[in-house]
């Protein structure tokens, strides 16, 4: 997901999305370790999305 789409969301939506992404990442890592996952690229995409959300949180804290 692009950062522009994340910027349109409010803080509560971002927190919920962050939690969901972290849970999904844990599941994918476990699946990857047991060789059940076929699309390993999804892990890196989730990690980047998590980083984008955390960046937005830090940007908002600097402004406030």
PDB file of N, CA and C in Angstrom:
ATOM      1  N   UNK A   1       0.846  -1.170   0.000  1.00  0.00           N
ATOM      2  CA  UNK A   1       0.000   0.000   0.000  1.00  0.00           C
ATOM      3  C   UNK A   1       0.900   1.246   0.000  1.00  0.00           C
ATOM      4  N   UNK A   2       0.526   2.238  -0.731  1.00  0.00           N
ATOM      5  CA  UNK A   2       1.312   3.465  -0.818  1.00  0.00           C
ATOM      6  C   UNK A   2       1.100   4.332   0.418  1.00  0.00           C
ATOM      7  N   UNK A   3       2.080   5.174   0.715  1.00  0.00           N
ATOM      8  CA  UNK A   3       2.019   6.020   1.902  1.00  0.00           C
ATOM      9  C   UNK A   3       0.863   7.018   1.812  1.00  0.00           C
ATOM     10  N   UNK A   4       0.493   7.431   0.611  1.00  0.00           N
ATOM     11  CA  UNK A   4      -0.618   8.375   0.454  1.00  0.00           C
ATOM     12  C   UNK A   4      -1.926   7.776   0.963  1.00  0.00           C
ATOM     13  N   UNK A   5      -2.115   6.481   0.761  1.00  0.00           N
ATOM     14  CA  UNK A   5      -3.329   5.827   1.251  1.00  0.00           C
ATOM     15  C   UNK A   5      -3.316   5.750   2.775  1.00  0.00           C
ATOM     16  N   UNK A   6      -2.134   5.565   3.354  1.00  0.00           N
ATOM     17  CA  UNK A   6      -2.033   5.531   4.806  1.00  0.00           C
ATOM     18  C   UNK A   6      -2.300   6.909   5.403  1.00  0.00           C
ATOM     19  N   UNK A   7      -1.875   7.952   4.723  1.00  0.00           N
ATOM     20  CA  UNK A   7      -2.056   9.315   5.245  1.00  0.00           C
ATOM     21  C   UNK A   7      -3.527   9.721   5.294  1.00  0.00           C
ATOM     22  N   UNK A   8      -4.357   9.090   4.483  1.00  0.00           N
ATOM     23  CA  UNK A   8      -5.786   9.419   4.471  1.00  0.00           C
ATOM     24  C   UNK A   8      -6.519   8.814   5.666  1.00  0.00           C
ATOM     25  N   UNK A   9      -5.897   7.866   6.329  1.00  0.00           N
ATOM     26  CA  UNK A   9      -6.546   7.180   7.453  1.00  0.00           C
ATOM     27  C   UNK A   9      -6.275   7.923   8.757  1.00  0.00           C
ATOM     28  N   UNK A  10      -7.201   7.788   9.703  1.00  0.00           N
ATOM     29  CA  UNK A  10      -6.982   8.418  10.999  1.00  0.00           C
ATOM     30  C   UNK A  10      -6.139   7.511  11.890  1.00  0.00           C
ATOM     31  N   UNK A  11      -5.811   8.002  13.063  1.00  0.00           N
ATOM     32  CA  UNK A  11      -4.883   7.293  13.937  1.00  0.00           C
ATOM     33  C   UNK A  11      -5.423   5.933  14.382  1.00  0.00           C
ATOM     34  N   UNK A  12      -6.696   5.864  14.708  1.00  0.00           N
ATOM     35  CA  UNK A  12      -7.275   4.590  15.157  1.00  0.00           C
ATOM     36  C   UNK A  12      -7.238   3.531  14.053  1.00  0.00           C
ATOM     37  N   UNK A  13      -7.543   3.960  12.829  1.00  0.00           N
ATOM     38  CA  UNK A  13      -7.492   3.023  11.707  1.00  0.00           C
ATOM     39  C   UNK A  13      -6.063   2.529  11.482  1.00  0.00           C
ATOM     40  N   UNK A  14      -5.091   3.438  11.615  1.00  0.00           N
ATOM     41  CA  UNK A  14      -3.696   3.049  11.439  1.00  0.00           C
ATOM     42  C   UNK A  14      -3.243   2.074  12.522  1.00  0.00           C
ATOM     43  N   UNK A  15      -3.683   2.321  13.757  1.00  0.00           N
ATOM     44  CA  UNK A  15      -3.318   1.412  14.848  1.00  0.00           C
ATOM     45  C   UNK A  15      -3.898   0.015  14.602  1.00  0.00           C
ATOM     46  N   UNK A  16      -5.130  -0.029  14.143  1.00  0.00           N
ATOM     47  CA  UNK A  16      -5.767  -1.312  13.847  1.00  0.00           C
ATOM     48  C   UNK A  16      -5.044  -2.026  12.702  1.00  0.00           C
ATOM     49  N   UNK A  17      -4.712  -1.266  11.666  1.00  0.00           N
ATOM     50  CA  UNK A  17      -4.003  -1.828  10.516  1.00  0.00           C
ATOM     51  C   UNK A  17      -2.615  -2.327  10.912  1.00  0.00           C
ATOM     52  N   UNK A  18      -1.945  -1.586  11.778  1.00  0.00           N
ATOM     53  CA  UNK A  18      -0.624  -1.992  12.258  1.00  0.00           C
ATOM     54  C   UNK A  18      -0.706  -3.314  13.013  1.00  0.00           C
ATOM     55  N   UNK A  19      -1.701  -3.431  13.862  1.00  0.00           N
ATOM     56  CA  UNK A  19      -1.878  -4.666  14.620  1.00  0.00           C
ATOM     57  C   UNK A  19      -2.144  -5.848  13.686  1.00  0.00           C
ATOM     58  N   UNK A  20      -3.015  -5.640  12.702  1.00  0.00           N
ATOM     59  CA  UNK A  20      -3.331  -6.703  11.742  1.00  0.00           C
ATOM     60  C   UNK A  20      -2.098  -7.120  10.943  1.00  0.00           C
ATOM     61  N   UNK A  21      -1.320  -6.127  10.509  1.00  0.00           N
ATOM     62  CA  UNK A  21      -0.120  -6.432   9.728  1.00  0.00           C
ATOM     63  C   UNK A  21       0.898  -7.217  10.561  1.00  0.00           C
ATOM     64  N   UNK A  22       1.052  -6.836  11.813  1.00  0.00           N
ATOM     65  CA  UNK A  22       2.004  -7.544  12.667  1.00  0.00           C
ATOM     66  C   UNK A  22       1.567  -8.987  12.905  1.00  0.00           C
ATOM     67  N   UNK A  23       0.273  -9.194  13.082  1.00  0.00           N
ATOM     68  CA  UNK A  23      -0.232 -10.556  13.268  1.00  0.00           C
ATOM     69  C   UNK A  23      -0.032 -11.385  11.999  1.00  0.00           C
ATOM     70  N   UNK A  24      -0.336 -10.787  10.850  1.00  0.00           N
ATOM     71  CA  UNK A  24      -0.166 -11.486   9.582  1.00  0.00           C
ATOM     72  C   UNK A  24       1.307 -11.823   9.319  1.00  0.00           C
ATOM     73  N   UNK A  25       2.185 -10.888   9.698  1.00  0.00           N
ATOM     74  CA  UNK A  25       3.615 -11.118   9.525  1.00  0.00           C
ATOM     75  C   UNK A  25       4.087 -12.303  10.366  1.00  0.00           C
ATOM     76  N   UNK A  26       3.587 -12.401  11.583  1.00  0.00           N
ATOM     77  CA  UNK A  26       3.941 -13.535  12.434  1.00  0.00           C
ATOM     78  C   UNK A  26       3.493 -14.855  11.832  1.00  0.00           C
ATOM     79  N   UNK A  27       2.293 -14.871  11.295  1.00  0.00           N
ATOM     80  CA  UNK A  27       1.778 -16.089  10.668  1.00  0.00           C
ATOM     81  C   UNK A  27       2.612 -16.454   9.439  1.00  0.00           C
ATOM     82  N   UNK A  28       2.938 -15.446   8.632  1.00  0.00           N
ATOM     83  CA  UNK A  28       3.723 -15.711   7.429  1.00  0.00           C
ATOM     84  C   UNK A  28       5.130 -16.185   7.767  1.00  0.00           C
ATOM     85  N   UNK A  29       5.718 -15.624   8.810  1.00  0.00           N
ATOM     86  CA  UNK A  29       7.056 -16.069   9.221  1.00  0.00           C
ATOM     87  C   UNK A  29       7.018 -17.522   9.674  1.00  0.00           C
ATOM     88  N   UNK A  30       5.989 -17.866  10.417  1.00  0.00           N
ATOM     89  CA  UNK A  30       5.851 -19.252  10.867  1.00  0.00           C
ATOM     90  C   UNK A  30       5.656 -20.187   9.676  1.00  0.00           C
ATOM     91  N   UNK A  31       4.822 -19.775   8.734  1.00  0.00           N
ATOM     92  CA  UNK A  31       4.593 -20.579   7.534  1.00  0.00           C
ATOM     93  C   UNK A  31       5.862 -20.697   6.703  1.00  0.00           C
ATOM     94  N   UNK A  32       6.623 -19.630   6.658  1.00  0.00           N
ATOM     95  CA  UNK A  32       7.873 -19.643   5.905  1.00  0.00           C
ATOM     96  C   UNK A  32       8.872 -20.611   6.518  1.00  0.00           C
ATOM     97  N   UNK A  33       8.925 -20.650   7.831  1.00  0.00           N
ATOM     98  CA  UNK A  33       9.852 -21.543   8.522  1.00  0.00           C
ATOM     99  C   UNK A  33       9.487 -23.003   8.283  1.00  0.00           C
ATOM    100  N   UNK A  34       8.208 -23.269   8.139  1.00  0.00           N
ATOM    101  CA  UNK A  34       7.781 -24.653   7.903  1.00  0.00           C
ATOM    102  C   UNK A  34       7.594 -24.948   6.413  1.00  0.00           C
ATOM    103  N   UNK A  35       8.072 -24.058   5.572  1.00  0.00           N
ATOM    104  CA  UNK A  35       8.057 -24.214   4.102  1.00  0.00           C
ATOM    105  C   UNK A  35       6.657 -24.375   3.516  1.00  0.00           C
ATOM    106  N   UNK A  36       5.672 -23.735   4.123  1.00  0.00           N
ATOM    107  CA  UNK A  36       4.309 -23.811   3.593  1.00  0.00           C
ATOM    108  C   UNK A  36       3.956 -22.612   2.720  1.00  0.00           C
ATOM    109  N   UNK A  37       4.785 -21.588   2.770  1.00  0.00           N
ATOM    110  CA  UNK A  37       4.470 -20.362   2.030  1.00  0.00           C
ATOM    111  C   UNK A  37       5.116 -20.420   0.645  1.00  0.00           C
ATOM    112  N   UNK A  38       4.386 -19.938  -0.346  1.00  0.00           N
ATOM    113  CA  UNK A  38       4.915 -19.935  -1.703  1.00  0.00           C
ATOM    114  C   UNK A  38       5.342 -18.533  -2.133  1.00  0.00           C
ATOM    115  N   UNK A  39       4.681 -17.500  -1.604  1.00  0.00           N
ATOM    116  CA  UNK A  39       4.994 -16.124  -1.981  1.00  0.00           C
ATOM    117  C   UNK A  39       5.755 -15.440  -0.837  1.00  0.00           C
ATOM    118  N   UNK A  40       7.054 -15.552  -0.868  1.00  0.00           N
ATOM    119  CA  UNK A  40       7.897 -14.988   0.190  1.00  0.00           C
ATOM    120  C   UNK A  40       7.930 -13.460   0.102  1.00  0.00           C
ATOM    121  N   UNK A  41       7.630 -12.917  -1.058  1.00  0.00           N
ATOM    122  CA  UNK A  41       7.638 -11.471  -1.254  1.00  0.00           C
ATOM    123  C   UNK A  41       6.615 -10.772  -0.356  1.00  0.00           C
ATOM    124  N   UNK A  42       5.565 -11.471   0.003  1.00  0.00           N
ATOM    125  CA  UNK A  42       4.515 -10.904   0.859  1.00  0.00           C
ATOM    126  C   UNK A  42       5.084 -10.473   2.210  1.00  0.00           C
ATOM    127  N   UNK A  43       6.078 -11.214   2.711  1.00  0.00           N
ATOM    128  CA  UNK A  43       6.695 -10.870   3.997  1.00  0.00           C
ATOM    129  C   UNK A  43       7.368  -9.506   3.904  1.00  0.00           C
ATOM    130  N   UNK A  44       8.140  -9.275   2.854  1.00  0.00           N
ATOM    131  CA  UNK A  44       8.825  -7.993   2.716  1.00  0.00           C
ATOM    132  C   UNK A  44       7.833  -6.857   2.495  1.00  0.00           C
ATOM    133  N   UNK A  45       6.736  -7.116   1.792  1.00  0.00           N
ATOM    134  CA  UNK A  45       5.721  -6.084   1.594  1.00  0.00           C
ATOM    135  C   UNK A  45       5.080  -5.687   2.923  1.00  0.00           C
ATOM    136  N   UNK A  46       4.780  -6.675   3.761  1.00  0.00           N
ATOM    137  CA  UNK A  46       4.191  -6.388   5.062  1.00  0.00           C
ATOM    138  C   UNK A  46       5.154  -5.600   5.937  1.00  0.00           C
ATOM    139  N   UNK A  47       6.431  -5.974   5.909  1.00  0.00           N
ATOM    140  CA  UNK A  47       7.429  -5.266   6.708  1.00  0.00           C
ATOM    141  C   UNK A  47       7.546  -3.807   6.268  1.00  0.00           C
ATOM    142  N   UNK A  48       7.460  -3.567   4.980  1.00  0.00           N
ATOM    143  CA  UNK A  48       7.524  -2.197   4.470  1.00  0.00           C
ATOM    144  C   UNK A  48       6.285  -1.405   4.863  1.00  0.00           C
ATOM    145  N   UNK A  49       5.120  -2.042   4.809  1.00  0.00           N
ATOM    146  CA  UNK A  49       3.889  -1.366   5.223  1.00  0.00           C
ATOM    147  C   UNK A  49       3.938  -1.006   6.706  1.00  0.00           C
ATOM    148  N   UNK A  50       4.455  -1.911   7.525  1.00  0.00           N
ATOM    149  CA  UNK A  50       4.596  -1.640   8.963  1.00  0.00           C
ATOM    150  C   UNK A  50       5.522  -0.451   9.171  1.00  0.00           C
ATOM    151  N   UNK A  51       6.615  -0.409   8.441  1.00  0.00           N
ATOM    152  CA  UNK A  51       7.562   0.703   8.550  1.00  0.00           C
ATOM    153  C   UNK A  51       6.916   2.021   8.127  1.00  0.00           C
ATOM    154  N   UNK A  52       6.090   1.977   7.089  1.00  0.00           N
ATOM    155  CA  UNK A  52       5.404   3.196   6.640  1.00  0.00           C
ATOM    156  C   UNK A  52       4.439   3.708   7.708  1.00  0.00           C
ATOM    157  N   UNK A  53       3.709   2.811   8.329  1.00  0.00           N
ATOM    158  CA  UNK A  53       2.754   3.214   9.374  1.00  0.00           C
ATOM    159  C   UNK A  53       3.504   3.803  10.571  1.00  0.00           C
ATOM    160  N   UNK A  54       4.577   3.160  10.981  1.00  0.00           N
ATOM    161  CA  UNK A  54       5.353   3.670  12.107  1.00  0.00           C
ATOM    162  C   UNK A  54       5.982   5.019  11.788  1.00  0.00           C
ATOM    163  N   UNK A  55       6.375   5.221  10.538  1.00  0.00           N
ATOM    164  CA  UNK A  55       6.916   6.510  10.114  1.00  0.00           C
ATOM    165  C   UNK A  55       5.858   7.600  10.241  1.00  0.00           C
ATOM    166  N   UNK A  56       4.636   7.288   9.859  1.00  0.00           N
ATOM    167  CA  UNK A  56       3.555   8.272   9.988  1.00  0.00           C
ATOM    168  C   UNK A  56       3.301   8.626  11.448  1.00  0.00           C
ATOM    169  N   UNK A  57       3.361   7.636  12.330  1.00  0.00           N
ATOM    170  CA  UNK A  57       3.186   7.914  13.757  1.00  0.00           C
ATOM    171  C   UNK A  57       4.260   8.869  14.250  1.00  0.00           C
ATOM    172  N   UNK A  58       5.499   8.652  13.835  1.00  0.00           N
ATOM    173  CA  UNK A  58       6.599   9.513  14.272  1.00  0.00           C
ATOM    174  C   UNK A  58       6.486  10.908  13.679  1.00  0.00           C
ATOM    175  N   UNK A  59       6.053  11.008  12.426  1.00  0.00           N
ATOM    176  CA  UNK A  59       5.853  12.313  11.820  1.00  0.00           C
ATOM    177  C   UNK A  59       4.786  13.098  12.565  1.00  0.00           C
ATOM    178  N   UNK A  60       3.700  12.427  12.922  1.00  0.00           N
ATOM    179  CA  UNK A  60       2.607  13.101  13.633  1.00  0.00           C
ATOM    180  C   UNK A  60       3.029  13.529  15.022  1.00  0.00           C
ATOM    181  N   UNK A  61       3.893  12.767  15.675  1.00  0.00           N
ATOM    182  CA  UNK A  61       4.365  13.139  17.005  1.00  0.00           C
ATOM    183  C   UNK A  61       5.288  14.357  16.948  1.00  0.00           C
ATOM    184  N   UNK A  62       6.069  14.508  15.894  1.00  0.00           N
ATOM    185  CA  UNK A  62       6.956  15.648  15.760  1.00  0.00           C
ATOM    186  C   UNK A  62       6.159  16.928  15.525  1.00  0.00           C
ATOM    187  N   UNK A  63       5.065  16.812  14.786  1.00  0.00           N
ATOM    188  CA  UNK A  63       4.226  17.975  14.479  1.00  0.00           C
ATOM    189  C   UNK A  63       3.483  18.460  15.718  1.00  0.00           C
ATOM    190  N   UNK A  64       2.978  17.527  16.505  1.00  0.00           N
ATOM    191  CA  UNK A  64       2.152  17.878  17.664  1.00  0.00           C
ATOM    192  C   UNK A  64       2.951  18.397  18.822  1.00  0.00           C
TER     193      UNK A  64
END
